[in-house]
Every structure is written in structure tokens, then in C-alpha cells.
Protein backbone atom coordinates (compact mmCIF):
# COMPACT_ATOMS: atom_id res chain seq x y z
CA UNK A 1 -4.47 26.43 14.57
CA UNK A 2 -3.71 26.84 18.29
CA UNK A 3 -0.06 26.88 19.40
CA UNK A 4 1.44 25.58 22.63
CA UNK A 5 1.67 28.40 25.17
CA UNK A 6 5.48 28.34 25.37
CA UNK A 7 5.90 28.42 21.58
CA UNK A 8 3.37 31.24 21.29
CA UNK A 9 5.29 33.26 23.89
CA UNK A 10 8.48 32.67 21.92
CA UNK A 11 6.85 33.96 18.74
CA UNK A 12 5.71 37.13 20.52
CA UNK A 13 9.28 38.02 21.42
CA UNK A 14 9.95 38.98 17.79
CA UNK A 15 13.40 37.34 17.86
CA UNK A 16 12.60 33.76 16.99
CA UNK A 17 14.76 30.68 16.49
CA UNK A 18 12.41 28.59 14.39
CA UNK A 19 12.82 25.83 11.83
CA UNK A 20 10.71 23.08 10.32
CA UNK A 21 11.09 19.34 10.72
CA UNK A 22 9.56 16.44 8.85
CA UNK A 23 9.24 12.76 9.67
CA UNK A 24 8.46 10.09 7.07
CA UNK A 25 7.51 6.58 8.19
CA UNK A 26 7.25 3.92 5.50
CA UNK A 27 4.71 1.10 5.69
CA UNK A 28 7.51 -1.29 6.68
CA UNK A 29 8.24 0.86 9.76
CA UNK A 30 11.48 2.51 8.57
CA UNK A 31 11.44 6.17 9.70
CA UNK A 32 13.35 9.16 8.30
CA UNK A 33 13.71 12.61 9.88
CA UNK A 34 14.61 15.87 8.10
CA UNK A 35 14.97 19.52 9.04
CA UNK A 36 15.73 22.79 7.25
CA UNK A 37 17.88 23.86 10.22
CA UNK A 38 21.68 23.80 9.75
CA UNK A 39 22.18 21.32 12.64
CA UNK A 40 20.61 17.97 13.42
CA UNK A 41 17.70 17.91 15.88
CA UNK A 42 16.16 15.07 17.86
CA UNK A 43 12.82 14.46 19.60
CA UNK A 44 10.19 11.71 19.81
CA UNK A 45 13.03 9.19 19.29
CA UNK A 46 13.57 10.53 15.75
CA UNK A 47 16.83 12.06 14.46
CA UNK A 48 16.07 14.96 12.12
CA UNK A 49 18.95 15.39 9.70
CA UNK A 50 20.09 18.76 8.42
CA UNK A 51 22.02 17.47 5.40
CA UNK A 52 19.08 15.99 3.49
CA UNK A 53 18.41 18.99 1.24
CA UNK A 54 14.69 18.67 1.96
CA UNK A 55 12.39 21.71 1.73
CA UNK A 56 8.61 22.06 1.74
CA UNK A 57 6.12 24.45 0.21
CA UNK A 58 3.39 26.30 2.04
CA UNK A 59 0.75 24.10 3.63
CA UNK A 60 -2.76 24.75 2.35
CA UNK A 61 -5.27 24.28 5.15
CA UNK A 62 -8.96 25.08 5.42
CA UNK A 63 -11.88 24.31 7.67
CA UNK A 64 -14.42 21.65 6.75
CA UNK A 65 -13.60 18.49 4.83
CA UNK A 66 -11.33 19.96 2.16
CA UNK A 67 -8.01 18.16 1.73
CA UNK A 68 -4.90 19.80 3.19
CA UNK A 69 -1.93 19.51 0.89
CA UNK A 70 1.61 20.69 0.32
CA UNK A 71 4.74 19.54 -1.50
CA UNK A 72 8.17 18.44 -0.37
CA UNK A 73 11.21 18.84 -2.58
CA UNK A 74 14.60 17.33 -1.86
CA UNK A 75 17.84 15.89 -3.13
CA UNK A 76 18.24 12.13 -3.48
CA UNK A 77 21.27 10.99 -1.49
CA UNK A 78 22.55 7.59 -0.45
CA UNK A 79 22.43 8.72 3.19
CA UNK A 80 18.76 9.78 3.09
CA UNK A 81 16.12 9.09 0.43
CA UNK A 82 17.44 6.90 -2.36
CA UNK A 83 16.06 6.88 -5.88
CA UNK A 84 15.99 3.09 -6.01
CA UNK A 85 13.77 2.98 -2.90
CA UNK A 86 11.32 5.48 -4.41
CA UNK A 87 11.34 3.61 -7.72
CA UNK A 88 10.68 0.34 -5.88
CA UNK A 89 7.58 1.85 -4.23
CA UNK A 90 8.89 1.62 -0.68
CA UNK A 91 7.60 5.14 0.08
CA UNK A 92 4.12 4.65 -1.41
CA UNK A 93 1.51 5.60 1.20
CA UNK A 94 4.13 6.52 3.82
CA UNK A 95 2.96 8.60 6.80
CA UNK A 96 4.27 12.16 7.07
CA UNK A 97 4.42 14.64 9.97
CA UNK A 98 5.62 18.26 9.88
CA UNK A 99 6.41 20.43 12.92
CA UNK A 100 7.26 24.08 13.53
CA UNK A 101 10.09 23.86 16.09
CA UNK A 102 12.13 26.21 18.26
CA UNK A 103 15.57 24.76 17.57
CA UNK A 104 16.98 26.17 20.83
CA UNK A 105 14.34 24.20 22.78
CA UNK A 106 12.75 21.42 20.73
CA UNK A 107 10.08 20.88 23.42
CA UNK A 108 8.56 24.07 22.02
CA UNK A 109 7.01 22.72 18.84
CA UNK A 110 3.68 22.54 17.03
CA UNK A 111 2.49 19.78 14.72
CA UNK A 112 1.31 21.60 11.60
CA UNK A 113 0.68 18.76 9.19
CA UNK A 114 -0.04 15.06 9.26
CA UNK A 115 -0.88 12.95 6.26
CA UNK A 116 0.56 10.60 3.68
CA UNK A 117 2.81 10.72 0.65
CA UNK A 118 0.96 11.00 -2.65
CA UNK A 119 2.46 11.19 -6.12
CA UNK A 120 6.28 11.24 -6.20
CA UNK A 121 8.14 12.63 -9.20
CA UNK A 122 11.88 12.10 -9.56
CA UNK A 123 14.64 13.03 -11.96
CA UNK A 124 18.09 14.65 -12.20
CA UNK A 125 19.02 13.50 -8.71
CA UNK A 126 16.03 15.15 -6.98
CA UNK A 127 12.44 14.33 -6.09
CA UNK A 128 9.16 16.17 -5.63
CA UNK A 129 6.50 14.55 -3.46
CA UNK A 130 2.86 15.48 -2.95
CA UNK A 131 1.75 15.46 0.70
CA UNK A 132 -1.92 14.62 1.34
CA UNK A 133 -3.78 15.48 4.52
CA UNK A 134 -5.79 13.12 6.70
CA UNK A 135 -9.09 14.14 5.07
CA UNK A 136 -7.85 12.53 1.83
CA UNK A 137 -9.21 9.24 3.19
CA UNK A 138 -12.74 10.70 3.08
CA UNK A 139 -12.51 10.78 -0.73
CA UNK A 140 -12.60 6.98 -0.81
CA UNK A 141 -15.88 5.13 -1.59
CA UNK A 142 -17.60 3.89 1.55
CA UNK A 143 -20.38 1.41 2.17
CA UNK A 144 -21.41 -1.99 0.83
CA UNK A 145 -21.17 -2.74 -2.89
CA UNK A 146 -23.94 -4.94 -4.29
CA UNK A 147 -22.32 -7.09 -6.96
CA UNK A 148 -22.11 -10.74 -7.92
CA UNK A 149 -18.37 -11.22 -7.15
CA UNK A 150 -17.05 -11.13 -3.59
CA UNK A 151 -16.05 -7.64 -2.43
CA UNK A 152 -13.67 -8.82 0.31
CA UNK A 153 -9.89 -9.09 0.02
CA UNK A 154 -8.69 -12.65 0.44
CA UNK A 155 -7.49 -13.11 4.02
CA UNK A 156 -8.95 -9.88 5.46
CA UNK A 157 -11.37 -9.68 8.41
CA UNK A 158 -14.47 -9.95 6.24
CA UNK A 159 -13.12 -12.91 4.30
CA UNK A 160 -11.74 -14.84 7.27
CA UNK A 161 -9.51 -17.22 5.29
CA UNK A 162 -6.25 -17.97 7.12
CA UNK A 163 -3.55 -17.64 4.46
CA UNK A 164 -1.02 -19.13 6.90
CA UNK A 165 -2.85 -22.45 6.82
CA UNK A 166 -1.17 -25.37 5.10
CA UNK A 167 -1.98 -25.43 1.39
CA UNK A 168 -2.62 -21.71 0.99
CA UNK A 169 0.98 -20.50 0.67
CA UNK A 170 4.48 -21.47 -0.35
CA UNK A 171 7.73 -20.12 1.02
CA UNK A 172 11.01 -20.95 -0.63
CA UNK A 173 14.00 -19.73 -2.60
CA UNK A 174 13.98 -18.15 -6.05
CA UNK A 175 15.29 -20.68 -8.56
CA UNK A 176 15.06 -18.74 -11.82
CA UNK A 177 14.11 -15.11 -12.40
CA UNK A 178 13.51 -13.28 -15.67
CA UNK A 179 13.34 -9.47 -15.55
CA UNK A 180 11.99 -9.47 -11.95
CA UNK A 181 8.61 -10.53 -13.37
CA UNK A 182 8.78 -14.18 -14.46
CA UNK A 183 9.78 -16.83 -11.91
CA UNK A 184 10.31 -20.51 -12.69
CA UNK A 185 10.49 -23.41 -10.24
CA UNK A 186 11.65 -26.93 -11.07
CA UNK A 187 9.25 -28.53 -8.60
CA UNK A 188 6.42 -26.92 -6.68
CA UNK A 189 3.95 -29.43 -8.15
CA UNK A 190 2.04 -30.04 -4.91
CA UNK A 191 -0.32 -27.18 -5.83
CA UNK A 192 -2.88 -27.37 -8.64
CA UNK A 193 -2.37 -25.52 -11.91
CA UNK A 194 -3.31 -21.80 -11.57
CA UNK A 195 -3.53 -22.18 -7.76
CA UNK A 196 -1.62 -18.93 -7.12
CA UNK A 197 -3.23 -16.93 -9.94
CA UNK A 198 -4.53 -13.63 -8.51
CA UNK A 199 -2.53 -14.12 -5.30
CA UNK A 200 0.24 -12.09 -3.69
CA UNK A 201 3.95 -12.62 -4.35
CA UNK A 202 6.11 -11.29 -1.49
CA UNK A 203 9.89 -11.02 -1.33
CA UNK A 204 11.21 -11.89 2.14
CA UNK A 205 14.97 -11.37 1.75
CA UNK A 206 17.55 -9.75 -0.47
CA UNK A 207 17.56 -6.32 -2.13
CA UNK A 208 13.81 -6.51 -2.84
CA UNK A 209 12.80 -7.58 0.68
CA UNK A 210 9.41 -6.15 1.62
CA UNK A 211 8.21 -5.66 -1.96
CA UNK A 212 5.05 -7.34 -3.23
CA UNK A 213 3.54 -8.09 -6.62
CA UNK A 214 0.29 -9.64 -7.83
CA UNK A 215 0.34 -12.93 -9.73
CA UNK A 216 -0.97 -12.66 -13.30
CA UNK A 217 -0.39 -16.23 -14.49
CA UNK A 218 0.47 -19.46 -12.68
CA UNK A 219 1.12 -22.46 -14.91
CA UNK A 220 2.11 -25.98 -13.88
CA UNK A 221 3.66 -28.23 -16.53
CA UNK A 222 5.96 -31.20 -16.85
CA UNK A 223 8.93 -28.82 -16.77
CA UNK A 224 7.93 -27.24 -13.45
CA UNK A 225 5.99 -24.17 -12.44
CA UNK A 226 6.02 -20.67 -13.97
CA UNK A 227 4.71 -17.69 -12.00
CA UNK A 228 4.27 -14.39 -13.85
CA UNK A 229 3.55 -11.07 -12.11
CA UNK A 230 1.47 -8.23 -13.55
CA UNK A 231 4.35 -5.78 -13.11
CA UNK A 232 8.04 -6.36 -12.49
CA UNK A 233 9.28 -5.75 -8.96
CA UNK A 234 10.99 -2.46 -8.19
CA UNK A 235 14.29 -3.98 -7.04
CA UNK A 236 16.56 -6.83 -8.13
CA UNK A 237 15.63 -10.35 -7.07
CA UNK A 238 18.54 -12.80 -6.95
CA UNK A 239 18.55 -16.57 -7.12
CA UNK A 240 18.35 -17.83 -3.54
CA UNK A 241 16.29 -14.90 -2.22
CA UNK A 242 13.38 -16.10 -0.10
CA UNK A 243 9.86 -15.47 -1.40
CA UNK A 244 6.30 -16.23 -0.33
CA UNK A 245 3.45 -16.93 -2.78
CA UNK A 246 -0.14 -16.93 -1.52
CA UNK A 247 -3.16 -18.61 -3.07
CA UNK A 248 -5.28 -16.46 -5.37
CA UNK A 249 -9.03 -15.93 -5.53
CA UNK A 250 -11.13 -14.96 -8.55
CA UNK A 251 -14.00 -13.73 -6.30
CA UNK A 252 -16.50 -16.29 -7.61
CA UNK A 253 -18.88 -18.15 -5.33
CA UNK A 254 -17.75 -21.55 -6.65
CA UNK A 255 -14.10 -20.76 -5.84
CA UNK A 256 -15.07 -19.66 -2.34
CA UNK A 257 -16.93 -22.92 -1.75
CA UNK A 258 -14.59 -25.45 -3.37
CA UNK A 259 -11.12 -23.93 -3.01
CA UNK A 260 -11.38 -22.24 0.38
CA UNK A 261 -14.44 -23.91 1.98
CA UNK A 262 -15.49 -20.41 3.04
CA UNK A 263 -18.96 -19.98 1.55
CA UNK A 264 -20.42 -18.71 4.83
CA UNK A 265 -18.19 -15.63 4.58
CA UNK A 266 -18.79 -14.95 0.87
CA UNK A 267 -19.23 -11.17 0.53
CA UNK A 268 -20.91 -11.07 -2.90
CA UNK A 269 -24.45 -11.53 -4.22
CA UNK A 270 -24.22 -14.35 -6.79
CA UNK A 271 -27.93 -14.28 -7.63
CA UNK A 272 -28.22 -10.55 -8.24
CA UNK A 273 -29.79 -9.94 -11.70
CA UNK A 274 -27.36 -8.96 -14.43
CA UNK A 275 -27.88 -6.35 -17.13
CA UNK A 276 -29.57 -8.91 -19.39
CA UNK A 277 -32.41 -9.11 -16.83
CA UNK A 278 -33.75 -5.77 -18.11
CA UNK A 279 -34.25 -7.34 -21.55
CA UNK A 280 -36.06 -10.38 -20.19
CA UNK A 281 -39.73 -11.11 -20.86
CA UNK A 282 -42.20 -13.77 -19.67
CA UNK A 283 -42.64 -16.88 -21.78
CA UNK A 284 -45.12 -19.72 -21.78
CA UNK A 285 -44.43 -22.33 -19.17
CA UNK A 286 -42.68 -20.05 -16.69
CA UNK A 287 -43.86 -20.07 -13.08
CA UNK A 288 -44.34 -16.38 -12.25
CA UNK A 289 -45.29 -16.59 -8.59
CA UNK A 290 -42.69 -14.14 -7.27
CA UNK A 291 -40.52 -16.92 -5.88
CA UNK A 292 -36.79 -17.49 -6.31
CA UNK A 293 -35.50 -18.16 -9.82
CA UNK A 294 -32.64 -20.26 -8.37
CA UNK A 295 -34.28 -23.37 -6.97
């Protein structure tokens, strides 16, 4: 790794004033800065705090496409990283930067690591987080998947459905909440039964603002509507907090056509042969001319 000329000259003096700094930016844009120096530092509009108790292990780096990785260990404090935020998943996938810095002149610095937060372990008032390098993204499957269901995510660029259109979402206040997982509404009967099943449930205000869950069940009855999430949210949701529920999609071609009128953007292959096709055999009366079986 090449170093800036001024920092390299400083290292050659043999009497260095070096420290490390880290920046963590959550997906909601909230940014935290830490340093192992005994005084706060500041650059790139980030305040790097010295009282966080954060320390990092050696960074493993190699040429090629191998994944760079390291670990960060720190103390959970109300002023910095809070256990309830980690438990709520607010730091999942957060971006991380690490610099080697001359604390007497912070313009002399070198970016040594950039990546994302991986697995976070917590307990006894401390946490241990895995840091994953940029090449981690290359471990993800790439390319088109040939399958009968749609491979797009509802509302993304490939799907094209506008989830802000009337009829595809509801925003309102929480009326009844059971264990941050089961939500009941007295009304909300202008949407069909199971309309939100498979959709996203977002919290817009309150202690759980910014958190999201996926809808497992959505039932409409004479007593109102009940929305159940797959997993309970990571923070408390109070009556009156604002939420947003988006329509769900089961990835089937009929749902794409009838519910969303979006068949032209369907990203699946509904007529692809299933596994039972391998056990098929010709029978008398079949037209075996090589044409489509779906006419």
C-alpha cells in the first residue's frame, strides 16, 4: 500500500506521532467517529472521539480477490455505540473506514481499510464486530436466475412498480401492538384481505424509527385488520407511532398481472419446465410437433 509523501517522510523520522481512526456510517446516514488517540480528532467533517474505548485488530490484506478483514472491539456507552441500537439492527451493513493518522497534523493520513460491518457479537457491556473488505461483495451470486417466480424485488428498477402510488401503501398511527410483532387496526378495510402479506413494514417515528420488518400474515376480518411480522422489531413501538405498510408480492405471474398490472416487467419464466418434466413421457393423442405446450 502506497503512503502519501508527507506521511511517509514522517514515518522515516523514527519519532512518529501516529494513531488510528475509524468512521462508521449507518445505512440511515448517522455517522460515528472513533480514535485510539487520547484526544479527539477531526477531519472530513467527522469528529473522532477518544473516549469510545474502541480498538481494532490487525488488518489482513492480500493481493487478488481475497477478502480483507479485521475486527473492532469496544465498550458500549450511551455516548457512542449503544447496545439497543446494535440489537435493533441499526448497524447492520454499515460502512466502515480506517485511517492511519499523524495526530499532530491530521492532513497526513492514509486510508488503510474500507468495507462494511459483518457479524456483531455483544455481551457484558462490550461488543466485537467483524469488518469485511470491499471484495466481500464479489462473493455474492451474480447473473440472471432462470426460475418460474419473479426474481425482482417489488419496487426496484427491474420491477418498476411505484410503491408510492395510491393503493400500494398505507401510512398511519399504531393502534395496538403486541410484542413489537403483532399489530391490530380497527379499520384499514379499504385494502383486500392479505394485501400486505409479503410486504415491508416500516416505522417512521418513535424509538423504532428507521426499522423495518417483513409482513408474515395480513388478515382482514369484521373486527379490523391484523398484521403479523416474521420477526419482532428491535426497538419498542408505542401506540401513536407512525408506520408505513407496503403491498406484498408472492412473485407469481398472476399476481403481477392482476394485482400490479405489471406483466410486461415480470422477471420470471412461468413456463419453464418443472422437475416433473423429467418424468414425462409421450401419450396417444399428444401433438408432438415441437411447438409450445402453453397455447
